[in-house]
């Protein structure tokens, strides 16, 4: 197996990171805007309490069941 093979994408990403060393810091900051948040326990409890039970099968679940003979 060739261990020296490097894909075009991998080469591109390595070169991009060499040219822009702060790019990963910017990615982490951008991720923190939307994802890395502390959860408010009250809001989380309200979210869990507002859950609506769903039927197992959405299409035809209200149809009367047929007897198999």
PDB file of N, CA and C in Angstrom:
ATOM      1  N   UNK A   1       0.844  -1.187   0.000  1.00  0.00           N
ATOM      2  CA  UNK A   1       0.000   0.000   0.000  1.00  0.00           C
ATOM      3  C   UNK A   1       0.885   1.244   0.000  1.00  0.00           C
ATOM      4  N   UNK A   2       0.529   2.208  -0.818  1.00  0.00           N
ATOM      5  CA  UNK A   2       1.306   3.441  -0.890  1.00  0.00           C
ATOM      6  C   UNK A   2       0.991   4.345   0.294  1.00  0.00           C
ATOM      7  N   UNK A   3       1.985   4.637   1.090  1.00  0.00           N
ATOM      8  CA  UNK A   3       1.795   5.516   2.247  1.00  0.00           C
ATOM      9  C   UNK A   3       2.163   6.959   1.900  1.00  0.00           C
ATOM     10  N   UNK A   4       2.803   7.156   0.771  1.00  0.00           N
ATOM     11  CA  UNK A   4       3.229   8.508   0.415  1.00  0.00           C
ATOM     12  C   UNK A   4       2.168   9.278  -0.364  1.00  0.00           C
ATOM     13  N   UNK A   5       1.076   8.621  -0.721  1.00  0.00           N
ATOM     14  CA  UNK A   5       0.023   9.293  -1.477  1.00  0.00           C
ATOM     15  C   UNK A   5      -0.695  10.308  -0.600  1.00  0.00           C
ATOM     16  N   UNK A   6      -0.856  11.514  -1.130  1.00  0.00           N
ATOM     17  CA  UNK A   6      -1.599  12.570  -0.446  1.00  0.00           C
ATOM     18  C   UNK A   6      -2.618  13.097  -1.449  1.00  0.00           C
ATOM     19  N   UNK A   7      -3.875  13.082  -1.058  1.00  0.00           N
ATOM     20  CA  UNK A   7      -4.928  13.517  -1.982  1.00  0.00           C
ATOM     21  C   UNK A   7      -4.834  15.018  -2.244  1.00  0.00           C
ATOM     22  N   UNK A   8      -5.469  15.436  -3.313  1.00  0.00           N
ATOM     23  CA  UNK A   8      -5.474  16.859  -3.667  1.00  0.00           C
ATOM     24  C   UNK A   8      -6.128  17.695  -2.573  1.00  0.00           C
ATOM     25  N   UNK A   9      -7.182  17.178  -1.991  1.00  0.00           N
ATOM     26  CA  UNK A   9      -7.896  17.911  -0.935  1.00  0.00           C
ATOM     27  C   UNK A   9      -6.995  18.091   0.282  1.00  0.00           C
ATOM     28  N   UNK A  10      -6.306  17.014   0.684  1.00  0.00           N
ATOM     29  CA  UNK A  10      -5.415  17.094   1.841  1.00  0.00           C
ATOM     30  C   UNK A  10      -4.300  18.093   1.583  1.00  0.00           C
ATOM     31  N   UNK A  11      -3.718  18.040   0.396  1.00  0.00           N
ATOM     32  CA  UNK A  11      -2.668  19.001   0.042  1.00  0.00           C
ATOM     33  C   UNK A  11      -3.199  20.432   0.079  1.00  0.00           C
ATOM     34  N   UNK A  12      -4.390  20.629  -0.491  1.00  0.00           N
ATOM     35  CA  UNK A  12      -4.990  21.958  -0.502  1.00  0.00           C
ATOM     36  C   UNK A  12      -5.197  22.477   0.917  1.00  0.00           C
ATOM     37  N   UNK A  13      -5.747  21.632   1.797  1.00  0.00           N
ATOM     38  CA  UNK A  13      -6.001  22.063   3.175  1.00  0.00           C
ATOM     39  C   UNK A  13      -4.711  22.372   3.919  1.00  0.00           C
ATOM     40  N   UNK A  14      -3.686  21.561   3.716  1.00  0.00           N
ATOM     41  CA  UNK A  14      -2.395  21.829   4.364  1.00  0.00           C
ATOM     42  C   UNK A  14      -1.813  23.157   3.899  1.00  0.00           C
ATOM     43  N   UNK A  15      -1.860  23.402   2.593  1.00  0.00           N
ATOM     44  CA  UNK A  15      -1.343  24.664   2.059  1.00  0.00           C
ATOM     45  C   UNK A  15      -2.160  25.846   2.567  1.00  0.00           C
ATOM     46  N   UNK A  16      -3.463  25.690   2.620  1.00  0.00           N
ATOM     47  CA  UNK A  16      -4.337  26.757   3.106  1.00  0.00           C
ATOM     48  C   UNK A  16      -4.007  27.107   4.552  1.00  0.00           C
ATOM     49  N   UNK A  17      -3.797  26.081   5.388  1.00  0.00           N
ATOM     50  CA  UNK A  17      -3.469  26.322   6.793  1.00  0.00           C
ATOM     51  C   UNK A  17      -2.078  26.923   6.962  1.00  0.00           C
ATOM     52  N   UNK A  18      -1.154  26.578   6.066  1.00  0.00           N
ATOM     53  CA  UNK A  18       0.179  27.186   6.117  1.00  0.00           C
ATOM     54  C   UNK A  18       0.110  28.662   5.743  1.00  0.00           C
ATOM     55  N   UNK A  19      -0.699  28.993   4.749  1.00  0.00           N
ATOM     56  CA  UNK A  19      -0.821  30.381   4.301  1.00  0.00           C
ATOM     57  C   UNK A  19      -1.640  31.224   5.270  1.00  0.00           C
ATOM     58  N   UNK A  20      -2.611  30.610   5.950  1.00  0.00           N
ATOM     59  CA  UNK A  20      -3.493  31.316   6.889  1.00  0.00           C
ATOM     60  C   UNK A  20      -3.476  30.593   8.233  1.00  0.00           C
ATOM     61  N   UNK A  21      -2.466  30.830   9.062  1.00  0.00           N
ATOM     62  CA  UNK A  21      -2.374  30.088  10.322  1.00  0.00           C
ATOM     63  C   UNK A  21      -3.521  30.366  11.292  1.00  0.00           C
ATOM     64  N   UNK A  22      -4.211  31.478  11.146  1.00  0.00           N
ATOM     65  CA  UNK A  22      -5.301  31.821  12.067  1.00  0.00           C
ATOM     66  C   UNK A  22      -6.651  31.258  11.630  1.00  0.00           C
ATOM     67  N   UNK A  23      -6.668  30.494  10.567  1.00  0.00           N
ATOM     68  CA  UNK A  23      -7.948  30.017  10.034  1.00  0.00           C
ATOM     69  C   UNK A  23      -8.671  29.097  11.021  1.00  0.00           C
ATOM     70  N   UNK A  24      -7.936  28.255  11.738  1.00  0.00           N
ATOM     71  CA  UNK A  24      -8.582  27.344  12.692  1.00  0.00           C
ATOM     72  C   UNK A  24      -9.154  28.108  13.882  1.00  0.00           C
ATOM     73  N   UNK A  25      -8.474  29.141  14.312  1.00  0.00           N
ATOM     74  CA  UNK A  25      -8.999  29.969  15.404  1.00  0.00           C
ATOM     75  C   UNK A  25     -10.310  30.608  14.971  1.00  0.00           C
ATOM     76  N   UNK A  26     -10.368  31.096  13.742  1.00  0.00           N
ATOM     77  CA  UNK A  26     -11.598  31.677  13.220  1.00  0.00           C
ATOM     78  C   UNK A  26     -12.726  30.660  13.128  1.00  0.00           C
ATOM     79  N   UNK A  27     -12.383  29.431  12.763  1.00  0.00           N
ATOM     80  CA  UNK A  27     -13.393  28.373  12.697  1.00  0.00           C
ATOM     81  C   UNK A  27     -13.947  28.079  14.089  1.00  0.00           C
ATOM     82  N   UNK A  28     -13.061  28.020  15.088  1.00  0.00           N
ATOM     83  CA  UNK A  28     -13.518  27.759  16.456  1.00  0.00           C
ATOM     84  C   UNK A  28     -14.408  28.888  16.960  1.00  0.00           C
ATOM     85  N   UNK A  29     -14.042  30.125  16.647  1.00  0.00           N
ATOM     86  CA  UNK A  29     -14.870  31.264  17.064  1.00  0.00           C
ATOM     87  C   UNK A  29     -16.232  31.213  16.385  1.00  0.00           C
ATOM     88  N   UNK A  30     -16.260  30.870  15.115  1.00  0.00           N
ATOM     89  CA  UNK A  30     -17.525  30.764  14.399  1.00  0.00           C
ATOM     90  C   UNK A  30     -18.401  29.655  14.946  1.00  0.00           C
ATOM     91  N   UNK A  31     -17.778  28.554  15.308  1.00  0.00           N
ATOM     92  CA  UNK A  31     -18.544  27.449  15.891  1.00  0.00           C
ATOM     93  C   UNK A  31     -19.122  27.857  17.233  1.00  0.00           C
ATOM     94  N   UNK A  32     -18.379  28.606  18.002  1.00  0.00           N
ATOM     95  CA  UNK A  32     -18.837  29.014  19.333  1.00  0.00           C
ATOM     96  C   UNK A  32     -20.069  29.914  19.257  1.00  0.00           C
ATOM     97  N   UNK A  33     -20.243  30.608  18.148  1.00  0.00           N
ATOM     98  CA  UNK A  33     -21.402  31.494  18.011  1.00  0.00           C
ATOM     99  C   UNK A  33     -22.700  30.696  18.086  1.00  0.00           C
ATOM    100  N   UNK A  34     -22.730  29.539  17.431  1.00  0.00           N
ATOM    101  CA  UNK A  34     -23.976  28.788  17.330  1.00  0.00           C
ATOM    102  C   UNK A  34     -24.037  27.532  18.187  1.00  0.00           C
ATOM    103  N   UNK A  35     -22.907  26.886  18.460  1.00  0.00           N
ATOM    104  CA  UNK A  35     -22.958  25.557  19.053  1.00  0.00           C
ATOM    105  C   UNK A  35     -22.493  25.488  20.497  1.00  0.00           C
ATOM    106  N   UNK A  36     -21.438  26.146  20.848  1.00  0.00           N
ATOM    107  CA  UNK A  36     -20.863  26.004  22.186  1.00  0.00           C
ATOM    108  C   UNK A  36     -21.530  26.971  23.157  1.00  0.00           C
ATOM    109  N   UNK A  37     -22.722  26.624  23.568  1.00  0.00           N
ATOM    110  CA  UNK A  37     -23.498  27.474  24.470  1.00  0.00           C
ATOM    111  C   UNK A  37     -23.786  26.733  25.764  1.00  0.00           C
ATOM    112  N   UNK A  38     -23.857  27.483  26.864  1.00  0.00           N
ATOM    113  CA  UNK A  38     -24.308  26.906  28.123  1.00  0.00           C
ATOM    114  C   UNK A  38     -25.831  26.851  28.093  1.00  0.00           C
ATOM    115  N   UNK A  39     -26.373  25.716  28.507  1.00  0.00           N
ATOM    116  CA  UNK A  39     -27.822  25.554  28.492  1.00  0.00           C
ATOM    117  C   UNK A  39     -28.428  26.093  29.777  1.00  0.00           C
ATOM    118  N   UNK A  40     -29.514  26.835  29.631  1.00  0.00           N
ATOM    119  CA  UNK A  40     -30.275  27.304  30.778  1.00  0.00           C
ATOM    120  C   UNK A  40     -31.157  26.143  31.237  1.00  0.00           C
ATOM    121  N   UNK A  41     -31.010  25.678  32.480  1.00  0.00           N
ATOM    122  CA  UNK A  41     -31.787  24.512  32.932  1.00  0.00           C
ATOM    123  C   UNK A  41     -33.297  24.700  32.821  1.00  0.00           C
ATOM    124  N   UNK A  42     -33.798  25.906  33.075  1.00  0.00           N
ATOM    125  CA  UNK A  42     -35.239  26.147  32.985  1.00  0.00           C
ATOM    126  C   UNK A  42     -35.730  26.004  31.543  1.00  0.00           C
ATOM    127  N   UNK A  43     -35.003  26.567  30.611  1.00  0.00           N
ATOM    128  CA  UNK A  43     -35.395  26.464  29.201  1.00  0.00           C
ATOM    129  C   UNK A  43     -35.341  25.003  28.751  1.00  0.00           C
ATOM    130  N   UNK A  44     -34.334  24.261  29.209  1.00  0.00           N
ATOM    131  CA  UNK A  44     -34.229  22.855  28.827  1.00  0.00           C
ATOM    132  C   UNK A  44     -35.395  22.053  29.400  1.00  0.00           C
ATOM    133  N   UNK A  45     -35.795  22.323  30.640  1.00  0.00           N
ATOM    134  CA  UNK A  45     -36.942  21.629  31.240  1.00  0.00           C
ATOM    135  C   UNK A  45     -38.221  21.927  30.461  1.00  0.00           C
ATOM    136  N   UNK A  46     -38.393  23.191  30.075  1.00  0.00           N
ATOM    137  CA  UNK A  46     -39.575  23.565  29.291  1.00  0.00           C
ATOM    138  C   UNK A  46     -39.561  22.864  27.936  1.00  0.00           C
ATOM    139  N   UNK A  47     -38.395  22.763  27.333  1.00  0.00           N
ATOM    140  CA  UNK A  47     -38.264  22.073  26.045  1.00  0.00           C
ATOM    141  C   UNK A  47     -38.660  20.602  26.183  1.00  0.00           C
ATOM    142  N   UNK A  48     -38.149  19.946  27.207  1.00  0.00           N
ATOM    143  CA  UNK A  48     -38.482  18.536  27.422  1.00  0.00           C
ATOM    144  C   UNK A  48     -39.973  18.360  27.719  1.00  0.00           C
ATOM    145  N   UNK A  49     -40.571  19.270  28.476  1.00  0.00           N
ATOM    146  CA  UNK A  49     -41.988  19.165  28.836  1.00  0.00           C
ATOM    147  C   UNK A  49     -42.897  19.412  27.636  1.00  0.00           C
ATOM    148  N   UNK A  50     -42.421  20.135  26.641  1.00  0.00           N
ATOM    149  CA  UNK A  50     -43.261  20.472  25.493  1.00  0.00           C
ATOM    150  C   UNK A  50     -43.259  19.384  24.422  1.00  0.00           C
ATOM    151  N   UNK A  51     -42.576  18.282  24.666  1.00  0.00           N
ATOM    152  CA  UNK A  51     -42.508  17.199  23.695  1.00  0.00           C
ATOM    153  C   UNK A  51     -43.895  16.620  23.439  1.00  0.00           C
ATOM    154  N   UNK A  52     -44.233  16.433  22.187  1.00  0.00           N
ATOM    155  CA  UNK A  52     -45.529  15.883  21.795  1.00  0.00           C
ATOM    156  C   UNK A  52     -45.294  14.460  21.296  1.00  0.00           C
ATOM    157  N   UNK A  53     -45.977  13.475  21.863  1.00  0.00           N
ATOM    158  CA  UNK A  53     -45.766  12.099  21.398  1.00  0.00           C
ATOM    159  C   UNK A  53     -46.279  11.924  19.967  1.00  0.00           C
ATOM    160  N   UNK A  54     -45.521  11.186  19.190  1.00  0.00           N
ATOM    161  CA  UNK A  54     -45.881  10.937  17.797  1.00  0.00           C
ATOM    162  C   UNK A  54     -46.229   9.469  17.621  1.00  0.00           C
ATOM    163  N   UNK A  55     -47.028   9.216  16.606  1.00  0.00           N
ATOM    164  CA  UNK A  55     -47.348   7.830  16.277  1.00  0.00           C
ATOM    165  C   UNK A  55     -46.122   7.182  15.641  1.00  0.00           C
ATOM    166  N   UNK A  56     -46.025   5.893  15.805  1.00  0.00           N
ATOM    167  CA  UNK A  56     -44.856   5.182  15.301  1.00  0.00           C
ATOM    168  C   UNK A  56     -44.752   5.272  13.776  1.00  0.00           C
ATOM    169  N   UNK A  57     -45.876   5.222  13.101  1.00  0.00           N
ATOM    170  CA  UNK A  57     -45.879   5.282  11.651  1.00  0.00           C
ATOM    171  C   UNK A  57     -46.817   6.401  11.241  1.00  0.00           C
ATOM    172  N   UNK A  58     -46.295   7.412  10.602  1.00  0.00           N
ATOM    173  CA  UNK A  58     -47.065   8.620  10.325  1.00  0.00           C
ATOM    174  C   UNK A  58     -48.140   8.422   9.260  1.00  0.00           C
ATOM    175  N   UNK A  59     -47.921   7.522   8.316  1.00  0.00           N
ATOM    176  CA  UNK A  59     -48.848   7.361   7.207  1.00  0.00           C
ATOM    177  C   UNK A  59     -49.766   6.176   7.462  1.00  0.00           C
ATOM    178  N   UNK A  60     -51.032   6.444   7.631  1.00  0.00           N
ATOM    179  CA  UNK A  60     -51.994   5.380   7.794  1.00  0.00           C
ATOM    180  C   UNK A  60     -52.114   4.847   9.207  1.00  0.00           C
ATOM    181  N   UNK A  61     -51.575   5.530  10.182  1.00  0.00           N
ATOM    182  CA  UNK A  61     -51.636   5.046  11.559  1.00  0.00           C
ATOM    183  C   UNK A  61     -53.040   5.103  12.125  1.00  0.00           C
ATOM    184  N   UNK A  62     -53.889   5.958  11.588  1.00  0.00           N
ATOM    185  CA  UNK A  62     -55.241   6.105  12.122  1.00  0.00           C
ATOM    186  C   UNK A  62     -56.232   5.168  11.438  1.00  0.00           C
ATOM    187  N   UNK A  63     -55.762   4.369  10.504  1.00  0.00           N
ATOM    188  CA  UNK A  63     -56.634   3.423   9.821  1.00  0.00           C
ATOM    189  C   UNK A  63     -56.969   2.282  10.768  1.00  0.00           C
ATOM    190  N   UNK A  64     -58.190   1.759  10.670  1.00  0.00           N
ATOM    191  CA  UNK A  64     -58.533   0.619  11.535  1.00  0.00           C
ATOM    192  C   UNK A  64     -57.675  -0.583  11.160  1.00  0.00           C
ATOM    193  N   UNK A  65     -57.302  -1.337  12.157  1.00  0.00           N
ATOM    194  CA  UNK A  65     -56.465  -2.506  11.888  1.00  0.00           C
ATOM    195  C   UNK A  65     -57.306  -3.607  11.250  1.00  0.00           C
ATOM    196  N   UNK A  66     -56.706  -4.370  10.368  1.00  0.00           N
ATOM    197  CA  UNK A  66     -57.392  -5.461   9.683  1.00  0.00           C
ATOM    198  C   UNK A  66     -57.021  -6.772  10.341  1.00  0.00           C
ATOM    199  N   UNK A  67     -57.992  -7.662  10.403  1.00  0.00           N
ATOM    200  CA  UNK A  67     -57.714  -8.992  10.932  1.00  0.00           C
ATOM    201  C   UNK A  67     -57.067  -9.826   9.844  1.00  0.00           C
ATOM    202  N   UNK A  68     -56.049 -10.546  10.217  1.00  0.00           N
ATOM    203  CA  UNK A  68     -55.391 -11.444   9.275  1.00  0.00           C
ATOM    204  C   UNK A  68     -55.972 -12.828   9.484  1.00  0.00           C
ATOM    205  N   UNK A  69     -56.513 -13.403   8.408  1.00  0.00           N
ATOM    206  CA  UNK A  69     -57.137 -14.730   8.511  1.00  0.00           C
ATOM    207  C   UNK A  69     -56.276 -15.772   7.881  1.00  0.00           C
TER     208      UNK A  69
END
